[in-house]
Amino acid sequence: MNKLMIKKLGILSVAKMQAAIMGAVSLLISIPYGLIIIALSLFGAAAGSRGDSGFALGGLGIVGGIAVMIILPIVYAVFGFIFGAIGALVYNVVAGAVGGIEIEVESIA
């Protein structure tokens, strides 16, 4: 078995990977959440329909639910990129001072 040490991380590569992961995870959260918002707003509009105001609130809930499904993954991906870059930068500074992370690898073939 060979031991390797991670001495430095590519800041941009870590930031891109973190953005992709956070964007994908937020899709798993935001799509059901947005659909729940849409469904509840439509149920509320139908149950308490007071003319046009009930339907306007239902339409606002639909727009809000769709906005959640679109905006939340974008915001999560942007913050994932920023904090991924900060995390890689901090790792590089600390690894330069105390050493990197040792990993043990084994050749399969």
C-alpha atoms as a PDB file:
ATOM      1  CA  MET A   1       0.000   0.000   0.000  1.00  0.00           C
ATOM      2  CA  ASN A   2       1.216   3.422  -0.908  1.00  0.00           C
ATOM      3  CA  LYS A   3       0.783   6.495   1.218  1.00  0.00           C
ATOM      4  CA  LEU A   4       0.093   9.807  -0.446  1.00  0.00           C
ATOM      5  CA  MET A   5      -0.299  13.252   1.037  1.00  0.00           C
ATOM      6  CA  ILE A   6      -2.643  15.969  -0.152  1.00  0.00           C
ATOM      7  CA  LYS A   7      -0.456  19.067   0.181  1.00  0.00           C
ATOM      8  CA  LYS A   8      -2.566  21.546  -1.784  1.00  0.00           C
ATOM      9  CA  LEU A   9      -6.067  21.761  -3.225  1.00  0.00           C
ATOM     10  CA  GLY A  10      -7.014  23.530  -6.440  1.00  0.00           C
ATOM     11  CA  ILE A  11      -9.203  26.378  -5.210  1.00  0.00           C
ATOM     12  CA  LEU A  12     -11.262  26.687  -8.386  1.00  0.00           C
ATOM     13  CA  SER A  13     -11.771  22.929  -8.732  1.00  0.00           C
ATOM     14  CA  VAL A  14     -12.949  22.582  -5.131  1.00  0.00           C
ATOM     15  CA  ALA A  15     -15.239  25.607  -5.540  1.00  0.00           C
ATOM     16  CA  LYS A  16     -16.799  24.176  -8.732  1.00  0.00           C
ATOM     17  CA  MET A  17     -17.308  20.776  -7.126  1.00  0.00           C
ATOM     18  CA  GLN A  18     -18.871  22.300  -4.021  1.00  0.00           C
ATOM     19  CA  ALA A  19     -21.180  24.446  -6.173  1.00  0.00           C
ATOM     20  CA  ALA A  20     -22.324  21.389  -8.132  1.00  0.00           C
ATOM     21  CA  ILE A  21     -22.941  19.351  -4.983  1.00  0.00           C
ATOM     22  CA  MET A  22     -24.830  22.143  -3.232  1.00  0.00           C
ATOM     23  CA  GLY A  23     -26.896  22.839  -6.358  1.00  0.00           C
ATOM     24  CA  ALA A  24     -27.848  19.179  -6.693  1.00  0.00           C
ATOM     25  CA  VAL A  25     -28.729  18.806  -3.009  1.00  0.00           C
ATOM     26  CA  SER A  26     -30.827  21.962  -3.079  1.00  0.00           C
ATOM     27  CA  LEU A  27     -32.782  20.584  -6.041  1.00  0.00           C
ATOM     28  CA  LEU A  28     -33.753  17.623  -3.882  1.00  0.00           C
ATOM     29  CA  ILE A  29     -35.052  20.075  -1.290  1.00  0.00           C
ATOM     30  CA  SER A  30     -36.473  22.905  -3.365  1.00  0.00           C
ATOM     31  CA  ILE A  31     -38.562  20.942  -5.876  1.00  0.00           C
ATOM     32  CA  PRO A  32     -40.759  19.172  -3.294  1.00  0.00           C
ATOM     33  CA  TYR A  33     -40.882  22.353  -1.211  1.00  0.00           C
ATOM     34  CA  GLY A  34     -41.989  24.407  -4.220  1.00  0.00           C
ATOM     35  CA  LEU A  35     -44.633  21.842  -5.143  1.00  0.00           C
ATOM     36  CA  ILE A  36     -45.961  21.912  -1.579  1.00  0.00           C
ATOM     37  CA  ILE A  37     -46.177  25.710  -1.707  1.00  0.00           C
ATOM     38  CA  ILE A  38     -48.079  25.523  -4.999  1.00  0.00           C
ATOM     39  CA  ALA A  39     -50.468  22.836  -3.750  1.00  0.00           C
ATOM     40  CA  LEU A  40     -51.198  24.596  -0.466  1.00  0.00           C
ATOM     41  CA  SER A  41     -51.798  27.919  -2.188  1.00  0.00           C
ATOM     42  CA  LEU A  42     -54.230  26.303  -4.612  1.00  0.00           C
ATOM     43  CA  PHE A  43     -56.037  24.495  -1.800  1.00  0.00           C
ATOM     44  CA  GLY A  44     -56.256  27.754   0.121  1.00  0.00           C
ATOM     45  CA  ALA A  45     -57.557  29.632  -2.906  1.00  0.00           C
ATOM     46  CA  ALA A  46     -60.165  26.965  -3.596  1.00  0.00           C
ATOM     47  CA  ALA A  47     -61.271  26.612   0.026  1.00  0.00           C
ATOM     48  CA  GLY A  48     -61.559  30.291   0.754  1.00  0.00           C
ATOM     49  CA  SER A  49     -62.454  31.547  -2.679  1.00  0.00           C
ATOM     50  CA  ARG A  50     -63.768  35.046  -2.207  1.00  0.00           C
ATOM     51  CA  GLY A  51     -63.945  35.972  -5.812  1.00  0.00           C
ATOM     52  CA  ASP A  52     -60.914  37.265  -7.594  1.00  0.00           C
ATOM     53  CA  SER A  53     -58.824  37.852  -4.454  1.00  0.00           C
ATOM     54  CA  GLY A  54     -58.709  34.122  -3.658  1.00  0.00           C
ATOM     55  CA  PHE A  55     -57.533  33.290  -7.152  1.00  0.00           C
ATOM     56  CA  ALA A  56     -54.969  36.108  -7.048  1.00  0.00           C
ATOM     57  CA  LEU A  57     -53.505  34.665  -3.858  1.00  0.00           C
ATOM     58  CA  GLY A  58     -53.463  31.218  -5.446  1.00  0.00           C
ATOM     59  CA  GLY A  59     -51.630  32.631  -8.463  1.00  0.00           C
ATOM     60  CA  LEU A  60     -49.161  34.357  -6.179  1.00  0.00           C
ATOM     61  CA  GLY A  61     -48.517  31.032  -4.457  1.00  0.00           C
ATOM     62  CA  ILE A  62     -47.857  29.372  -7.813  1.00  0.00           C
ATOM     63  CA  VAL A  63     -45.367  32.073  -8.753  1.00  0.00           C
ATOM     64  CA  GLY A  64     -43.753  31.792  -5.314  1.00  0.00           C
ATOM     65  CA  GLY A  65     -43.466  28.004  -5.587  1.00  0.00           C
ATOM     66  CA  ILE A  66     -41.875  28.198  -9.024  1.00  0.00           C
ATOM     67  CA  ALA A  67     -39.527  30.936  -7.801  1.00  0.00           C
ATOM     68  CA  VAL A  68     -38.434  28.716  -4.904  1.00  0.00           C
ATOM     69  CA  MET A  69     -37.682  25.861  -7.310  1.00  0.00           C
ATOM     70  CA  ILE A  70     -35.564  28.124  -9.535  1.00  0.00           C
ATOM     71  CA  ILE A  71     -33.923  30.622  -7.183  1.00  0.00           C
ATOM     72  CA  LEU A  72     -33.021  28.335  -4.268  1.00  0.00           C
ATOM     73  CA  PRO A  73     -30.711  26.014  -6.257  1.00  0.00           C
ATOM     74  CA  ILE A  74     -28.969  29.011  -7.821  1.00  0.00           C
ATOM     75  CA  VAL A  75     -28.414  30.646  -4.427  1.00  0.00           C
ATOM     76  CA  TYR A  76     -27.161  27.376  -2.927  1.00  0.00           C
ATOM     77  CA  ALA A  77     -24.761  26.840  -5.833  1.00  0.00           C
ATOM     78  CA  VAL A  78     -23.373  30.389  -5.546  1.00  0.00           C
ATOM     79  CA  PHE A  79     -22.829  30.043  -1.805  1.00  0.00           C
ATOM     80  CA  GLY A  80     -21.349  26.572  -2.352  1.00  0.00           C
ATOM     81  CA  PHE A  81     -18.860  28.055  -4.811  1.00  0.00           C
ATOM     82  CA  ILE A  82     -17.890  30.868  -2.454  1.00  0.00           C
ATOM     83  CA  PHE A  83     -17.504  28.695   0.636  1.00  0.00           C
ATOM     84  CA  GLY A  84     -15.816  25.905  -1.335  1.00  0.00           C
ATOM     85  CA  ALA A  85     -13.185  28.396  -2.472  1.00  0.00           C
ATOM     86  CA  ILE A  86     -12.761  29.733   1.072  1.00  0.00           C
ATOM     87  CA  GLY A  87     -12.487  26.185   2.444  1.00  0.00           C
ATOM     88  CA  ALA A  88      -9.834  25.213  -0.121  1.00  0.00           C
ATOM     89  CA  LEU A  89      -7.888  28.394   0.604  1.00  0.00           C
ATOM     90  CA  VAL A  90      -7.975  27.727   4.350  1.00  0.00           C
ATOM     91  CA  TYR A  91      -6.890  24.114   3.767  1.00  0.00           C
ATOM     92  CA  ASN A  92      -3.940  25.254   1.666  1.00  0.00           C
ATOM     93  CA  VAL A  93      -2.809  27.690   4.345  1.00  0.00           C
ATOM     94  CA  VAL A  94      -3.155  25.159   7.164  1.00  0.00           C
ATOM     95  CA  ALA A  95      -1.603  22.321   5.130  1.00  0.00           C
ATOM     96  CA  GLY A  96       1.391  24.554   4.430  1.00  0.00           C
ATOM     97  CA  ALA A  97       1.860  25.084   8.162  1.00  0.00           C
ATOM     98  CA  VAL A  98       1.136  21.633   9.627  1.00  0.00           C
ATOM     99  CA  GLY A  99       1.268  19.268   6.651  1.00  0.00           C
ATOM    100  CA  GLY A 100      -1.439  17.787   4.496  1.00  0.00           C
ATOM    101  CA  ILE A 101      -3.827  14.888   4.849  1.00  0.00           C
ATOM    102  CA  GLU A 102      -2.285  11.459   4.441  1.00  0.00           C
ATOM    103  CA  ILE A 103      -4.252   8.933   2.433  1.00  0.00           C
ATOM    104  CA  GLU A 104      -3.447   5.295   1.832  1.00  0.00           C
ATOM    105  CA  VAL A 105      -4.003   3.898  -1.654  1.00  0.00           C
ATOM    106  CA  GLU A 106      -3.746   0.424  -3.057  1.00  0.00           C
ATOM    107  CA  SER A 107      -3.340  -0.634  -6.661  1.00  0.00           C
ATOM    108  CA  ILE A 108      -6.099  -3.037  -7.682  1.00  0.00           C
ATOM    109  CA  ALA A 109      -4.750  -4.230 -11.031  1.00  0.00           C
END
